[in-house]
Amino acid sequence: MEPRFLLLSDVATELNVSDSQVYHMVRSGELPAIKIGGRGQWRVERARLEEYIQLKYAETAEWVRGNPLTDRDPE
């Protein structure tokens, strides 16, 4: 069984980005997370991460539709 909550380093591994990029995403509110414990350690719920990924797929698809690939040198 997978854990419900992920460390920021786990999220970074899942997204193949740096820990600092994930920290920025969390601090900016882009990626929902919670602070727990006396030291206020960040945790991201797996379900929220999956929702975030799906949102990014939708945003990317919209961007691709609005920015079609065109040939540079038609032959």
N, C-alpha and C. Protein backbone atom coordinates (compact mmCIF):
# COMPACT_ATOMS: atom_id res chain seq x y z
N MET A 1 0.85 -1.19 0.00
CA MET A 1 0.00 0.00 0.00
C MET A 1 0.89 1.24 0.00
N GLU A 2 0.56 2.18 -0.88
CA GLU A 2 1.33 3.41 -0.97
C GLU A 2 0.93 4.36 0.16
N PRO A 3 1.90 5.14 0.65
CA PRO A 3 1.56 6.10 1.70
C PRO A 3 0.63 7.19 1.17
N ARG A 4 -0.23 7.67 2.06
CA ARG A 4 -1.17 8.73 1.67
C ARG A 4 -0.45 10.06 1.44
N PHE A 5 0.55 10.34 2.29
CA PHE A 5 1.27 11.61 2.21
C PHE A 5 2.71 11.38 1.78
N LEU A 6 3.20 12.30 0.96
CA LEU A 6 4.54 12.21 0.41
C LEU A 6 5.43 13.34 0.93
N LEU A 7 6.69 13.04 1.12
CA LEU A 7 7.68 14.06 1.40
C LEU A 7 7.89 14.89 0.14
N LEU A 8 8.39 16.11 0.28
CA LEU A 8 8.65 16.92 -0.89
C LEU A 8 9.69 16.24 -1.79
N SER A 9 10.63 15.55 -1.19
CA SER A 9 11.63 14.84 -2.00
C SER A 9 11.00 13.71 -2.81
N ASP A 10 9.97 13.07 -2.24
CA ASP A 10 9.25 12.04 -2.99
C ASP A 10 8.50 12.65 -4.18
N VAL A 11 7.90 13.80 -3.96
CA VAL A 11 7.19 14.50 -5.03
C VAL A 11 8.18 14.89 -6.12
N ALA A 12 9.34 15.39 -5.72
CA ALA A 12 10.37 15.77 -6.70
C ALA A 12 10.78 14.58 -7.55
N THR A 13 10.92 13.43 -6.93
CA THR A 13 11.26 12.22 -7.66
C THR A 13 10.15 11.85 -8.64
N GLU A 14 8.91 11.91 -8.18
CA GLU A 14 7.76 11.57 -9.04
C GLU A 14 7.69 12.49 -10.27
N LEU A 15 7.96 13.77 -10.07
CA LEU A 15 7.85 14.75 -11.15
C LEU A 15 9.16 14.94 -11.92
N ASN A 16 10.22 14.32 -11.43
CA ASN A 16 11.55 14.43 -12.03
C ASN A 16 12.02 15.88 -12.09
N VAL A 17 11.86 16.56 -10.96
CA VAL A 17 12.32 17.94 -10.79
C VAL A 17 13.12 18.01 -9.50
N SER A 18 13.68 19.17 -9.20
CA SER A 18 14.47 19.32 -7.98
C SER A 18 13.58 19.52 -6.75
N ASP A 19 14.15 19.24 -5.60
CA ASP A 19 13.45 19.47 -4.33
C ASP A 19 13.06 20.95 -4.20
N SER A 20 13.97 21.84 -4.62
CA SER A 20 13.69 23.27 -4.48
C SER A 20 12.54 23.71 -5.40
N GLN A 21 12.40 23.08 -6.55
CA GLN A 21 11.27 23.40 -7.43
C GLN A 21 9.95 23.00 -6.77
N VAL A 22 9.93 21.84 -6.13
CA VAL A 22 8.72 21.39 -5.45
C VAL A 22 8.42 22.32 -4.28
N TYR A 23 9.43 22.70 -3.52
CA TYR A 23 9.24 23.61 -2.41
C TYR A 23 8.61 24.92 -2.90
N HIS A 24 9.10 25.44 -4.01
CA HIS A 24 8.54 26.68 -4.57
C HIS A 24 7.08 26.47 -4.98
N MET A 25 6.77 25.34 -5.60
CA MET A 25 5.40 25.05 -6.02
C MET A 25 4.46 25.00 -4.82
N VAL A 26 4.94 24.44 -3.72
CA VAL A 26 4.14 24.33 -2.49
C VAL A 26 3.98 25.71 -1.85
N ARG A 27 5.09 26.44 -1.72
CA ARG A 27 5.04 27.75 -1.06
C ARG A 27 4.21 28.77 -1.84
N SER A 28 4.19 28.63 -3.17
CA SER A 28 3.42 29.56 -3.99
C SER A 28 1.94 29.20 -4.04
N GLY A 29 1.60 28.00 -3.54
CA GLY A 29 0.21 27.55 -3.56
C GLY A 29 -0.16 26.81 -4.84
N GLU A 30 0.79 26.66 -5.74
CA GLU A 30 0.52 25.94 -7.00
C GLU A 30 0.19 24.48 -6.74
N LEU A 31 0.90 23.87 -5.79
CA LEU A 31 0.68 22.47 -5.43
C LEU A 31 0.19 22.43 -3.98
N PRO A 32 -1.03 21.97 -3.74
CA PRO A 32 -1.57 21.93 -2.38
C PRO A 32 -0.74 21.00 -1.47
N ALA A 33 -0.49 21.47 -0.27
CA ALA A 33 0.28 20.70 0.71
C ALA A 33 -0.13 21.12 2.12
N ILE A 34 0.33 20.35 3.09
CA ILE A 34 0.08 20.69 4.50
C ILE A 34 1.40 20.71 5.25
N LYS A 35 1.41 21.47 6.36
CA LYS A 35 2.56 21.48 7.26
C LYS A 35 2.17 20.71 8.50
N ILE A 36 3.03 19.79 8.92
CA ILE A 36 2.74 18.99 10.11
C ILE A 36 3.95 18.95 11.02
N GLY A 37 3.70 18.59 12.26
CA GLY A 37 4.77 18.41 13.23
C GLY A 37 5.30 19.72 13.78
N GLY A 38 6.13 19.59 14.80
CA GLY A 38 6.70 20.74 15.48
C GLY A 38 7.59 21.58 14.59
N ARG A 39 8.23 20.96 13.63
CA ARG A 39 9.11 21.69 12.73
C ARG A 39 8.39 22.16 11.47
N GLY A 40 7.11 21.85 11.36
CA GLY A 40 6.34 22.29 10.21
C GLY A 40 6.81 21.69 8.91
N GLN A 41 6.98 20.38 8.90
CA GLN A 41 7.43 19.70 7.69
C GLN A 41 6.29 19.59 6.68
N TRP A 42 6.61 19.82 5.43
CA TRP A 42 5.61 19.80 4.36
C TRP A 42 5.31 18.38 3.93
N ARG A 43 4.03 18.12 3.63
CA ARG A 43 3.59 16.84 3.08
C ARG A 43 2.57 17.12 1.99
N VAL A 44 2.64 16.32 0.93
CA VAL A 44 1.69 16.43 -0.18
C VAL A 44 0.90 15.14 -0.23
N GLU A 45 -0.41 15.27 -0.20
CA GLU A 45 -1.26 14.10 -0.29
C GLU A 45 -1.18 13.53 -1.71
N ARG A 46 -1.01 12.22 -1.82
CA ARG A 46 -0.86 11.57 -3.12
C ARG A 46 -2.01 11.94 -4.06
N ALA A 47 -3.24 11.97 -3.54
CA ALA A 47 -4.40 12.31 -4.37
C ALA A 47 -4.27 13.74 -4.93
N ARG A 48 -3.75 14.67 -4.13
CA ARG A 48 -3.57 16.05 -4.59
C ARG A 48 -2.50 16.12 -5.67
N LEU A 49 -1.45 15.30 -5.52
CA LEU A 49 -0.40 15.26 -6.54
C LEU A 49 -0.98 14.75 -7.86
N GLU A 50 -1.79 13.71 -7.79
CA GLU A 50 -2.40 13.17 -9.01
C GLU A 50 -3.33 14.19 -9.66
N GLU A 51 -4.08 14.94 -8.84
CA GLU A 51 -4.95 16.00 -9.37
C GLU A 51 -4.10 17.08 -10.05
N TYR A 52 -2.98 17.42 -9.43
CA TYR A 52 -2.08 18.43 -9.98
C TYR A 52 -1.55 17.96 -11.34
N ILE A 53 -1.16 16.71 -11.43
CA ILE A 53 -0.64 16.17 -12.69
C ILE A 53 -1.72 16.23 -13.77
N GLN A 54 -2.93 15.84 -13.44
CA GLN A 54 -4.02 15.89 -14.41
C GLN A 54 -4.29 17.34 -14.86
N LEU A 55 -4.23 18.28 -13.93
CA LEU A 55 -4.39 19.69 -14.27
C LEU A 55 -3.32 20.14 -15.25
N LYS A 56 -2.10 19.72 -15.02
CA LYS A 56 -1.00 20.10 -15.90
C LYS A 56 -1.17 19.49 -17.29
N TYR A 57 -1.68 18.25 -17.36
CA TYR A 57 -1.98 17.65 -18.66
C TYR A 57 -3.02 18.50 -19.40
N ALA A 58 -4.06 18.91 -18.71
CA ALA A 58 -5.12 19.72 -19.33
C ALA A 58 -4.57 21.08 -19.78
N GLU A 59 -3.77 21.72 -18.93
CA GLU A 59 -3.19 23.01 -19.29
C GLU A 59 -2.27 22.88 -20.50
N THR A 60 -1.50 21.81 -20.54
CA THR A 60 -0.59 21.59 -21.66
C THR A 60 -1.36 21.34 -22.95
N ALA A 61 -2.42 20.54 -22.87
CA ALA A 61 -3.24 20.26 -24.05
C ALA A 61 -3.86 21.55 -24.58
N GLU A 62 -4.32 22.41 -23.69
CA GLU A 62 -4.90 23.69 -24.11
C GLU A 62 -3.84 24.56 -24.78
N TRP A 63 -2.65 24.57 -24.21
CA TRP A 63 -1.56 25.36 -24.78
C TRP A 63 -1.20 24.85 -26.17
N VAL A 64 -1.13 23.52 -26.33
CA VAL A 64 -0.80 22.94 -27.63
C VAL A 64 -1.85 23.29 -28.67
N ARG A 65 -3.12 23.25 -28.29
CA ARG A 65 -4.20 23.63 -29.22
C ARG A 65 -4.06 25.08 -29.66
N GLY A 66 -3.65 25.93 -28.76
CA GLY A 66 -3.51 27.36 -29.08
C GLY A 66 -2.21 27.71 -29.76
N ASN A 67 -1.27 26.79 -29.79
CA ASN A 67 0.05 27.03 -30.39
C ASN A 67 0.41 25.88 -31.31
N PRO A 68 -0.30 25.78 -32.45
CA PRO A 68 -0.07 24.63 -33.32
C PRO A 68 1.34 24.64 -33.91
N LEU A 69 1.84 23.45 -34.13
CA LEU A 69 3.15 23.27 -34.74
C LEU A 69 3.02 23.55 -36.24
N THR A 70 3.86 24.41 -36.75
CA THR A 70 3.80 24.73 -38.17
C THR A 70 5.13 24.36 -38.82
N ASP A 71 5.08 24.01 -40.10
CA ASP A 71 6.30 23.70 -40.84
C ASP A 71 7.11 24.98 -41.06
N ARG A 72 8.40 24.86 -40.92
CA ARG A 72 9.25 26.02 -41.13
C ARG A 72 9.53 26.24 -42.63
N ASP A 73 9.83 25.15 -43.32
CA ASP A 73 10.13 25.22 -44.74
C ASP A 73 9.22 24.26 -45.49
N PRO A 74 8.09 24.74 -45.97
CA PRO A 74 7.22 23.83 -46.73
C PRO A 74 7.94 23.38 -48.00
N GLU A 75 7.82 22.07 -48.29
CA GLU A 75 8.51 21.54 -49.47
C GLU A 75 7.56 21.18 -50.56
